C-alpha atoms as a PDB file:
ATOM      1  CA  UNK A   1      20.440-106.531  69.537  1.00  0.00           C
ATOM      2  CA  UNK A   2      22.236-104.877  66.629  1.00  0.00           C
ATOM      3  CA  UNK A   3      25.162-106.211  64.575  1.00  0.00           C
ATOM      4  CA  UNK A   4      27.674-104.149  66.514  1.00  0.00           C
ATOM      5  CA  UNK A   5      26.886-106.220  69.621  1.00  0.00           C
ATOM      6  CA  UNK A   6      26.682-109.563  67.764  1.00  0.00           C
ATOM      7  CA  UNK A   7      29.191-112.364  68.294  1.00  0.00           C
ATOM      8  CA  UNK A   8      31.712-113.119  65.570  1.00  0.00           C
ATOM      9  CA  UNK A   9      31.093-116.375  63.710  1.00  0.00           C
ATOM     10  CA  UNK A  10      27.508-116.803  64.880  1.00  0.00           C
ATOM     11  CA  UNK A  11      24.627-116.823  62.388  1.00  0.00           C
ATOM     12  CA  UNK A  12      21.700-114.477  63.071  1.00  0.00           C
ATOM     13  CA  UNK A  13      18.368-113.743  61.418  1.00  0.00           C
ATOM     14  CA  UNK A  14      17.727-110.096  60.529  1.00  0.00           C
ATOM     15  CA  UNK A  15      14.656-108.864  62.415  1.00  0.00           C
ATOM     16  CA  UNK A  16      14.521-105.344  60.989  1.00  0.00           C
ATOM     17  CA  UNK A  17      16.559-102.520  59.527  1.00  0.00           C
ATOM     18  CA  UNK A  18      16.194 -99.093  61.153  1.00  0.00           C
ATOM     19  CA  UNK A  19      17.000 -96.480  58.513  1.00  0.00           C
ATOM     20  CA  UNK A  20      15.063 -93.433  57.363  1.00  0.00           C
ATOM     21  CA  UNK A  21      16.765 -93.454  53.961  1.00  0.00           C
ATOM     22  CA  UNK A  22      14.805 -95.239  51.198  1.00  0.00           C
ATOM     23  CA  UNK A  23      17.883 -95.300  48.958  1.00  0.00           C
ATOM     24  CA  UNK A  24      19.880 -97.089  51.652  1.00  0.00           C
ATOM     25  CA  UNK A  25      17.027 -99.569  52.189  1.00  0.00           C
ATOM     26  CA  UNK A  26      16.985-100.324  48.455  1.00  0.00           C
ATOM     27  CA  UNK A  27      20.773-100.773  48.429  1.00  0.00           C
ATOM     28  CA  UNK A  28      20.685-103.180  51.380  1.00  0.00           C
ATOM     29  CA  UNK A  29      17.838-105.110  49.746  1.00  0.00           C
ATOM     30  CA  UNK A  30      19.942-105.486  46.585  1.00  0.00           C
ATOM     31  CA  UNK A  31      22.704-107.035  48.726  1.00  0.00           C
ATOM     32  CA  UNK A  32      20.224-109.507  50.218  1.00  0.00           C
ATOM     33  CA  UNK A  33      20.070-107.722  53.574  1.00  0.00           C
ATOM     34  CA  UNK A  34      16.407-107.671  54.605  1.00  0.00           C
ATOM     35  CA  UNK A  35      14.118-109.018  57.355  1.00  0.00           C
ATOM     36  CA  UNK A  36      14.132-112.794  57.625  1.00  0.00           C
ATOM     37  CA  UNK A  37      17.503-113.261  55.912  1.00  0.00           C
ATOM     38  CA  UNK A  38      20.458-114.830  57.740  1.00  0.00           C
ATOM     39  CA  UNK A  39      23.607-112.810  58.397  1.00  0.00           C
ATOM     40  CA  UNK A  40      26.919-113.729  60.012  1.00  0.00           C
ATOM     41  CA  UNK A  41      29.428-111.318  61.537  1.00  0.00           C
ATOM     42  CA  UNK A  42      32.843-112.435  60.312  1.00  0.00           C
ATOM     43  CA  UNK A  43      34.900-109.843  62.199  1.00  0.00           C
ATOM     44  CA  UNK A  44      34.503-106.593  64.107  1.00  0.00           C
ATOM     45  CA  UNK A  45      36.735-103.832  62.787  1.00  0.00           C
ATOM     46  CA  UNK A  46      37.651-100.386  64.059  1.00  0.00           C
ATOM     47  CA  UNK A  47      35.306 -98.613  61.630  1.00  0.00           C
ATOM     48  CA  UNK A  48      32.556-101.256  61.494  1.00  0.00           C
ATOM     49  CA  UNK A  49      32.432-104.960  60.744  1.00  0.00           C
ATOM     50  CA  UNK A  50      32.696-107.596  58.039  1.00  0.00           C
ATOM     51  CA  UNK A  51      29.521-109.598  57.450  1.00  0.00           C
ATOM     52  CA  UNK A  52      28.494-112.540  55.317  1.00  0.00           C
ATOM     53  CA  UNK A  53      25.126-112.434  53.540  1.00  0.00           C
ATOM     54  CA  UNK A  54      24.180-115.169  51.049  1.00  0.00           C
ATOM     55  CA  UNK A  55      27.789-116.419  50.661  1.00  0.00           C
ATOM     56  CA  UNK A  56      29.130-112.911  49.955  1.00  0.00           C
ATOM     57  CA  UNK A  57      31.225-110.775  52.305  1.00  0.00           C
ATOM     58  CA  UNK A  58      30.721-107.064  52.852  1.00  0.00           C
ATOM     59  CA  UNK A  59      32.376-104.414  55.020  1.00  0.00           C
ATOM     60  CA  UNK A  60      29.819-102.153  56.689  1.00  0.00           C
ATOM     61  CA  UNK A  61      30.426 -99.108  58.840  1.00  0.00           C
ATOM     62  CA  UNK A  62      29.450 -98.753  62.498  1.00  0.00           C
ATOM     63  CA  UNK A  63      26.365 -96.637  61.803  1.00  0.00           C
ATOM     64  CA  UNK A  64      24.929 -99.259  59.448  1.00  0.00           C
ATOM     65  CA  UNK A  65      25.831-102.099  61.822  1.00  0.00           C
ATOM     66  CA  UNK A  66      23.828-100.336  64.535  1.00  0.00           C
ATOM     67  CA  UNK A  67      20.839-100.012  62.167  1.00  0.00           C
ATOM     68  CA  UNK A  68      20.609-103.754  61.447  1.00  0.00           C
ATOM     69  CA  UNK A  69      18.673-105.481  64.233  1.00  0.00           C
ATOM     70  CA  UNK A  70      19.130-109.233  64.675  1.00  0.00           C
END
């Protein structure tokens, strides 16, 4: 299941990230978004969702939310 289909307020463990862009992978890694890390969907928004990773909140777009598999 990807983040777009995840329940709000529930904690998940990231299984994998499906991107073909090495720069994007490096950026996500710098945020703490990588396999094995916990992630929580705070809210689903029109253009994506708000997530919590390591006590920080980020807004991510729909395309990125679909690439993060939990």
